[in-house]
Amino acid sequence: MALEGRELCVCDLAHVLDTSLSSMSQQLKQLRTLGAIRFRAHGKLAYYRISDPYWLGLVQSISEKLHGANSN
């Protein structure tokens, strides 16, 4: 959800999710493999953005289901 409507570098995403750069990079690699995000290198930094709004809808749907299950 942090990538909705914007592009962020690995360090920003790691900060938002309170995780290490290494862990964030591994997660982003998996999302790239799935085609969920696009990657752009600029110097030593890597920037990511959502590749298709479909993925945001999927995340929102799953989040709603999880929050609904927790309130029951």
PDB file of N, CA and C in Angstrom:
ATOM      1  N   MET A   1       0.831  -1.192   0.000  1.00  0.00           N
ATOM      2  CA  MET A   1       0.000   0.000   0.000  1.00  0.00           C
ATOM      3  C   MET A   1       0.883   1.266   0.000  1.00  0.00           C
ATOM      4  N   ALA A   2       2.100   1.144   0.511  1.00  0.00           N
ATOM      5  CA  ALA A   2       2.991   2.310   0.551  1.00  0.00           C
ATOM      6  C   ALA A   2       3.339   2.808  -0.849  1.00  0.00           C
ATOM      7  N   LEU A   3       3.232   1.942  -1.839  1.00  0.00           N
ATOM      8  CA  LEU A   3       3.570   2.322  -3.208  1.00  0.00           C
ATOM      9  C   LEU A   3       2.384   2.871  -3.994  1.00  0.00           C
ATOM     10  N   GLU A   4       1.241   2.975  -3.353  1.00  0.00           N
ATOM     11  CA  GLU A   4       0.057   3.459  -4.069  1.00  0.00           C
ATOM     12  C   GLU A   4       0.277   4.889  -4.554  1.00  0.00           C
ATOM     13  N   GLY A   5       0.281   5.058  -5.877  1.00  0.00           N
ATOM     14  CA  GLY A   5       0.394   6.371  -6.486  1.00  0.00           C
ATOM     15  C   GLY A   5       1.752   7.024  -6.406  1.00  0.00           C
ATOM     16  N   ARG A   6       2.761   6.267  -6.022  1.00  0.00           N
ATOM     17  CA  ARG A   6       4.095   6.870  -5.939  1.00  0.00           C
ATOM     18  C   ARG A   6       5.178   5.816  -6.084  1.00  0.00           C
ATOM     19  N   GLU A   7       6.380   6.308  -6.215  1.00  0.00           N
ATOM     20  CA  GLU A   7       7.563   5.472  -6.342  1.00  0.00           C
ATOM     21  C   GLU A   7       8.417   5.691  -5.093  1.00  0.00           C
ATOM     22  N   LEU A   8       8.934   4.618  -4.539  1.00  0.00           N
ATOM     23  CA  LEU A   8       9.789   4.725  -3.349  1.00  0.00           C
ATOM     24  C   LEU A   8      11.055   3.892  -3.522  1.00  0.00           C
ATOM     25  N   CYS A   9      12.118   4.320  -2.852  1.00  0.00           N
ATOM     26  CA  CYS A   9      13.352   3.537  -2.877  1.00  0.00           C
ATOM     27  C   CYS A   9      13.292   2.464  -1.788  1.00  0.00           C
ATOM     28  N   VAL A  10      14.192   1.514  -1.894  1.00  0.00           N
ATOM     29  CA  VAL A  10      14.243   0.402  -0.941  1.00  0.00           C
ATOM     30  C   VAL A  10      14.358   0.916   0.485  1.00  0.00           C
ATOM     31  N   CYS A  11      15.197   1.920   0.700  1.00  0.00           N
ATOM     32  CA  CYS A  11      15.403   2.428   2.062  1.00  0.00           C
ATOM     33  C   CYS A  11      14.118   3.026   2.633  1.00  0.00           C
ATOM     34  N   ASP A  12      13.340   3.733   1.805  1.00  0.00           N
ATOM     35  CA  ASP A  12      12.071   4.291   2.274  1.00  0.00           C
ATOM     36  C   ASP A  12      11.077   3.183   2.617  1.00  0.00           C
ATOM     37  N   LEU A  13      10.997   2.174   1.770  1.00  0.00           N
ATOM     38  CA  LEU A  13      10.079   1.058   2.023  1.00  0.00           C
ATOM     39  C   LEU A  13      10.474   0.299   3.291  1.00  0.00           C
ATOM     40  N   ALA A  14      11.765   0.093   3.492  1.00  0.00           N
ATOM     41  CA  ALA A  14      12.235  -0.590   4.703  1.00  0.00           C
ATOM     42  C   ALA A  14      11.847   0.207   5.942  1.00  0.00           C
ATOM     43  N   HIS A  15      11.960   1.521   5.854  1.00  0.00           N
ATOM     44  CA  HIS A  15      11.589   2.383   6.983  1.00  0.00           C
ATOM     45  C   HIS A  15      10.089   2.306   7.265  1.00  0.00           C
ATOM     46  N   VAL A  16       9.278   2.404   6.211  1.00  0.00           N
ATOM     47  CA  VAL A  16       7.818   2.351   6.361  1.00  0.00           C
ATOM     48  C   VAL A  16       7.388   1.040   7.005  1.00  0.00           C
ATOM     49  N   LEU A  17       8.016  -0.058   6.594  1.00  0.00           N
ATOM     50  CA  LEU A  17       7.628  -1.379   7.093  1.00  0.00           C
ATOM     51  C   LEU A  17       8.438  -1.827   8.309  1.00  0.00           C
ATOM     52  N   ASP A  18       9.332  -0.960   8.778  1.00  0.00           N
ATOM     53  CA  ASP A  18      10.155  -1.242   9.952  1.00  0.00           C
ATOM     54  C   ASP A  18      10.879  -2.585   9.826  1.00  0.00           C
ATOM     55  N   THR A  19      11.614  -2.722   8.727  1.00  0.00           N
ATOM     56  CA  THR A  19      12.371  -3.941   8.473  1.00  0.00           C
ATOM     57  C   THR A  19      13.762  -3.575   7.956  1.00  0.00           C
ATOM     58  N   SER A  20      14.629  -4.552   7.841  1.00  0.00           N
ATOM     59  CA  SER A  20      15.986  -4.302   7.360  1.00  0.00           C
ATOM     60  C   SER A  20      16.001  -4.137   5.841  1.00  0.00           C
ATOM     61  N   LEU A  21      17.036  -3.494   5.336  1.00  0.00           N
ATOM     62  CA  LEU A  21      17.191  -3.340   3.896  1.00  0.00           C
ATOM     63  C   LEU A  21      17.287  -4.701   3.217  1.00  0.00           C
ATOM     64  N   SER A  22      17.996  -5.614   3.840  1.00  0.00           N
ATOM     65  CA  SER A  22      18.155  -6.954   3.273  1.00  0.00           C
ATOM     66  C   SER A  22      16.816  -7.667   3.159  1.00  0.00           C
ATOM     67  N   SER A  23      16.036  -7.633   4.208  1.00  0.00           N
ATOM     68  CA  SER A  23      14.718  -8.262   4.198  1.00  0.00           C
ATOM     69  C   SER A  23      13.806  -7.600   3.169  1.00  0.00           C
ATOM     70  N   MET A  24      13.845  -6.279   3.112  1.00  0.00           N
ATOM     71  CA  MET A  24      13.013  -5.549   2.158  1.00  0.00           C
ATOM     72  C   MET A  24      13.396  -5.907   0.733  1.00  0.00           C
ATOM     73  N   SER A  25      14.681  -5.996   0.465  1.00  0.00           N
ATOM     74  CA  SER A  25      15.153  -6.348  -0.875  1.00  0.00           C
ATOM     75  C   SER A  25      14.663  -7.728  -1.288  1.00  0.00           C
ATOM     76  N   GLN A  26      14.682  -8.674  -0.356  1.00  0.00           N
ATOM     77  CA  GLN A  26      14.203 -10.023  -0.662  1.00  0.00           C
ATOM     78  C   GLN A  26      12.712 -10.021  -0.977  1.00  0.00           C
ATOM     79  N   GLN A  27      11.931  -9.276  -0.212  1.00  0.00           N
ATOM     80  CA  GLN A  27      10.492  -9.184  -0.461  1.00  0.00           C
ATOM     81  C   GLN A  27      10.215  -8.526  -1.813  1.00  0.00           C
ATOM     82  N   LEU A  28      10.959  -7.472  -2.127  1.00  0.00           N
ATOM     83  CA  LEU A  28      10.782  -6.783  -3.396  1.00  0.00           C
ATOM     84  C   LEU A  28      11.166  -7.673  -4.570  1.00  0.00           C
ATOM     85  N   LYS A  29      12.180  -8.490  -4.375  1.00  0.00           N
ATOM     86  CA  LYS A  29      12.577  -9.436  -5.420  1.00  0.00           C
ATOM     87  C   LYS A  29      11.423 -10.389  -5.741  1.00  0.00           C
ATOM     88  N   GLN A  30      10.746 -10.880  -4.708  1.00  0.00           N
ATOM     89  CA  GLN A  30       9.605 -11.774  -4.909  1.00  0.00           C
ATOM     90  C   GLN A  30       8.465 -11.054  -5.639  1.00  0.00           C
ATOM     91  N   LEU A  31       8.195  -9.822  -5.250  1.00  0.00           N
ATOM     92  CA  LEU A  31       7.136  -9.047  -5.899  1.00  0.00           C
ATOM     93  C   LEU A  31       7.482  -8.739  -7.358  1.00  0.00           C
ATOM     94  N   ARG A  32       8.760  -8.525  -7.644  1.00  0.00           N
ATOM     95  CA  ARG A  32       9.191  -8.322  -9.035  1.00  0.00           C
ATOM     96  C   ARG A  32       8.980  -9.592  -9.835  1.00  0.00           C
ATOM     97  N   THR A  33       9.299 -10.735  -9.257  1.00  0.00           N
ATOM     98  CA  THR A  33       9.112 -12.024  -9.930  1.00  0.00           C
ATOM     99  C   THR A  33       7.645 -12.238 -10.280  1.00  0.00           C
ATOM    100  N   LEU A  34       6.755 -11.838  -9.385  1.00  0.00           N
ATOM    101  CA  LEU A  34       5.317 -11.952  -9.629  1.00  0.00           C
ATOM    102  C   LEU A  34       4.798 -10.931 -10.649  1.00  0.00           C
ATOM    103  N   GLY A  35       5.586  -9.911 -10.907  1.00  0.00           N
ATOM    104  CA  GLY A  35       5.153  -8.853 -11.817  1.00  0.00           C
ATOM    105  C   GLY A  35       4.317  -7.790 -11.133  1.00  0.00           C
ATOM    106  N   ALA A  36       4.321  -7.783  -9.805  1.00  0.00           N
ATOM    107  CA  ALA A  36       3.499  -6.838  -9.043  1.00  0.00           C
ATOM    108  C   ALA A  36       4.097  -5.443  -8.989  1.00  0.00           C
ATOM    109  N   ILE A  37       5.406  -5.346  -9.115  1.00  0.00           N
ATOM    110  CA  ILE A  37       6.070  -4.047  -9.041  1.00  0.00           C
ATOM    111  C   ILE A  37       7.065  -3.886 -10.184  1.00  0.00           C
ATOM    112  N   ARG A  38       7.365  -2.629 -10.474  1.00  0.00           N
ATOM    113  CA  ARG A  38       8.387  -2.289 -11.453  1.00  0.00           C
ATOM    114  C   ARG A  38       9.576  -1.703 -10.723  1.00  0.00           C
ATOM    115  N   PHE A  39      10.727  -1.866 -11.321  1.00  0.00           N
ATOM    116  CA  PHE A  39      11.998  -1.481 -10.732  1.00  0.00           C
ATOM    117  C   PHE A  39      12.693  -0.473 -11.633  1.00  0.00           C
ATOM    118  N   ARG A  40      13.340   0.499 -11.002  1.00  0.00           N
ATOM    119  CA  ARG A  40      14.152   1.467 -11.730  1.00  0.00           C
ATOM    120  C   ARG A  40      15.382   1.771 -10.894  1.00  0.00           C
ATOM    121  N   ALA A  41      16.540   1.675 -11.517  1.00  0.00           N
ATOM    122  CA  ALA A  41      17.784   2.009 -10.820  1.00  0.00           C
ATOM    123  C   ALA A  41      18.170   3.443 -11.168  1.00  0.00           C
ATOM    124  N   HIS A  42      18.612   4.161 -10.147  1.00  0.00           N
ATOM    125  CA  HIS A  42      19.102   5.528 -10.330  1.00  0.00           C
ATOM    126  C   HIS A  42      20.347   5.653  -9.466  1.00  0.00           C
ATOM    127  N   GLY A  43      21.495   5.556 -10.095  1.00  0.00           N
ATOM    128  CA  GLY A  43      22.735   5.527  -9.336  1.00  0.00           C
ATOM    129  C   GLY A  43      22.787   4.259  -8.508  1.00  0.00           C
ATOM    130  N   LYS A  44      23.041   4.417  -7.220  1.00  0.00           N
ATOM    131  CA  LYS A  44      23.108   3.256  -6.323  1.00  0.00           C
ATOM    132  C   LYS A  44      21.757   2.901  -5.712  1.00  0.00           C
ATOM    133  N   LEU A  45      20.738   3.711  -5.979  1.00  0.00           N
ATOM    134  CA  LEU A  45      19.425   3.477  -5.389  1.00  0.00           C
ATOM    135  C   LEU A  45      18.509   2.731  -6.350  1.00  0.00           C
ATOM    136  N   ALA A  46      17.641   1.908  -5.773  1.00  0.00           N
ATOM    137  CA  ALA A  46      16.631   1.188  -6.547  1.00  0.00           C
ATOM    138  C   ALA A  46      15.266   1.735  -6.150  1.00  0.00           C
ATOM    139  N   TYR A  47      14.473   2.069  -7.137  1.00  0.00           N
ATOM    140  CA  TYR A  47      13.138   2.621  -6.912  1.00  0.00           C
ATOM    141  C   TYR A  47      12.089   1.648  -7.426  1.00  0.00           C
ATOM    142  N   TYR A  48      10.974   1.577  -6.701  1.00  0.00           N
ATOM    143  CA  TYR A  48       9.909   0.647  -7.048  1.00  0.00           C
ATOM    144  C   TYR A  48       8.575   1.363  -7.116  1.00  0.00           C
ATOM    145  N   ARG A  49       7.699   0.826  -7.987  1.00  0.00           N
ATOM    146  CA  ARG A  49       6.326   1.310  -8.072  1.00  0.00           C
ATOM    147  C   ARG A  49       5.445   0.137  -8.456  1.00  0.00           C
ATOM    148  N   ILE A  50       4.161   0.254  -8.171  1.00  0.00           N
ATOM    149  CA  ILE A  50       3.190  -0.780  -8.526  1.00  0.00           C
ATOM    150  C   ILE A  50       3.109  -0.869 -10.045  1.00  0.00           C
ATOM    151  N   SER A  51       3.097  -2.080 -10.581  1.00  0.00           N
ATOM    152  CA  SER A  51       3.062  -2.251 -12.033  1.00  0.00           C
ATOM    153  C   SER A  51       1.658  -2.157 -12.608  1.00  0.00           C
ATOM    154  N   ASP A  52       0.654  -2.494 -11.801  1.00  0.00           N
ATOM    155  CA  ASP A  52      -0.721  -2.529 -12.291  1.00  0.00           C
ATOM    156  C   ASP A  52      -1.650  -2.336 -11.091  1.00  0.00           C
ATOM    157  N   PRO A  53      -2.692  -1.497 -11.225  1.00  0.00           N
ATOM    158  CA  PRO A  53      -3.626  -1.270 -10.118  1.00  0.00           C
ATOM    159  C   PRO A  53      -4.290  -2.556  -9.607  1.00  0.00           C
ATOM    160  N   TYR A  54      -4.314  -3.596 -10.414  1.00  0.00           N
ATOM    161  CA  TYR A  54      -4.862  -4.889  -9.993  1.00  0.00           C
ATOM    162  C   TYR A  54      -4.250  -5.330  -8.663  1.00  0.00           C
ATOM    163  N   TRP A  55      -2.949  -5.146  -8.530  1.00  0.00           N
ATOM    164  CA  TRP A  55      -2.241  -5.610  -7.330  1.00  0.00           C
ATOM    165  C   TRP A  55      -2.698  -4.851  -6.086  1.00  0.00           C
ATOM    166  N   LEU A  56      -2.961  -3.565  -6.223  1.00  0.00           N
ATOM    167  CA  LEU A  56      -3.457  -2.790  -5.080  1.00  0.00           C
ATOM    168  C   LEU A  56      -4.842  -3.282  -4.665  1.00  0.00           C
ATOM    169  N   GLY A  57      -5.691  -3.558  -5.648  1.00  0.00           N
ATOM    170  CA  GLY A  57      -7.015  -4.098  -5.349  1.00  0.00           C
ATOM    171  C   GLY A  57      -6.935  -5.428  -4.634  1.00  0.00           C
ATOM    172  N   LEU A  58      -6.010  -6.268  -5.053  1.00  0.00           N
ATOM    173  CA  LEU A  58      -5.811  -7.562  -4.411  1.00  0.00           C
ATOM    174  C   LEU A  58      -5.375  -7.391  -2.956  1.00  0.00           C
ATOM    175  N   VAL A  59      -4.427  -6.516  -2.722  1.00  0.00           N
ATOM    176  CA  VAL A  59      -3.941  -6.256  -1.362  1.00  0.00           C
ATOM    177  C   VAL A  59      -5.067  -5.694  -0.497  1.00  0.00           C
ATOM    178  N   GLN A  60      -5.835  -4.766  -1.038  1.00  0.00           N
ATOM    179  CA  GLN A  60      -6.934  -4.180  -0.275  1.00  0.00           C
ATOM    180  C   GLN A  60      -7.980  -5.232   0.077  1.00  0.00           C
ATOM    181  N   SER A  61      -8.281  -6.108  -0.872  1.00  0.00           N
ATOM    182  CA  SER A  61      -9.259  -7.161  -0.628  1.00  0.00           C
ATOM    183  C   SER A  61      -8.792  -8.114   0.474  1.00  0.00           C
ATOM    184  N   ILE A  62      -7.545  -8.509   0.419  1.00  0.00           N
ATOM    185  CA  ILE A  62      -6.989  -9.405   1.437  1.00  0.00           C
ATOM    186  C   ILE A  62      -6.974  -8.712   2.799  1.00  0.00           C
ATOM    187  N   SER A  63      -6.573  -7.455   2.816  1.00  0.00           N
ATOM    188  CA  SER A  63      -6.534  -6.696   4.068  1.00  0.00           C
ATOM    189  C   SER A  63      -7.921  -6.598   4.694  1.00  0.00           C
ATOM    190  N   GLU A  64      -8.922  -6.323   3.875  1.00  0.00           N
ATOM    191  CA  GLU A  64     -10.293  -6.240   4.381  1.00  0.00           C
ATOM    192  C   GLU A  64     -10.749  -7.581   4.960  1.00  0.00           C
ATOM    193  N   LYS A  65     -10.412  -8.663   4.286  1.00  0.00           N
ATOM    194  CA  LYS A  65     -10.791  -9.998   4.770  1.00  0.00           C
ATOM    195  C   LYS A  65     -10.112 -10.296   6.107  1.00  0.00           C
ATOM    196  N   LEU A  66      -8.831  -9.949   6.206  1.00  0.00           N
ATOM    197  CA  LEU A  66      -8.097 -10.201   7.451  1.00  0.00           C
ATOM    198  C   LEU A  66      -8.637  -9.363   8.593  1.00  0.00           C
ATOM    199  N   HIS A  67      -8.926  -8.093   8.328  1.00  0.00           N
ATOM    200  CA  HIS A  67      -9.456  -7.232   9.388  1.00  0.00           C
ATOM    201  C   HIS A  67     -10.862  -7.670   9.791  1.00  0.00           C
ATOM    202  N   GLY A  68     -11.651  -8.121   8.837  1.00  0.00           N
ATOM    203  CA  GLY A  68     -12.986  -8.619   9.120  1.00  0.00           C
ATOM    204  C   GLY A  68     -12.941  -9.890   9.968  1.00  0.00           C
ATOM    205  N   ALA A  69     -11.963 -10.771   9.685  1.00  0.00           N
ATOM    206  CA  ALA A  69     -11.821 -12.012  10.443  1.00  0.00           C
ATOM    207  C   ALA A  69     -11.377 -11.724  11.879  1.00  0.00           C
ATOM    208  N   ASN A  70     -10.565 -10.690  12.063  1.00  0.00           N
ATOM    209  CA  ASN A  70     -10.079 -10.345  13.403  1.00  0.00           C
ATOM    210  C   ASN A  70     -11.161  -9.711  14.264  1.00  0.00           C
ATOM    211  N   SER A  71     -12.184  -9.114  13.650  1.00  0.00           N
ATOM    212  CA  SER A  71     -13.217  -8.448  14.441  1.00  0.00           C
ATOM    213  C   SER A  71     -14.333  -9.394  14.855  1.00  0.00           C
ATOM    214  N   ASN A  72     -14.322 -10.621  14.346  1.00  0.00           N
ATOM    215  CA  ASN A  72     -15.366 -11.598  14.709  1.00  0.00           C
ATOM    216  C   ASN A  72     -15.020 -12.353  15.962  1.00  0.00           C
TER     217      ASN A  72
END
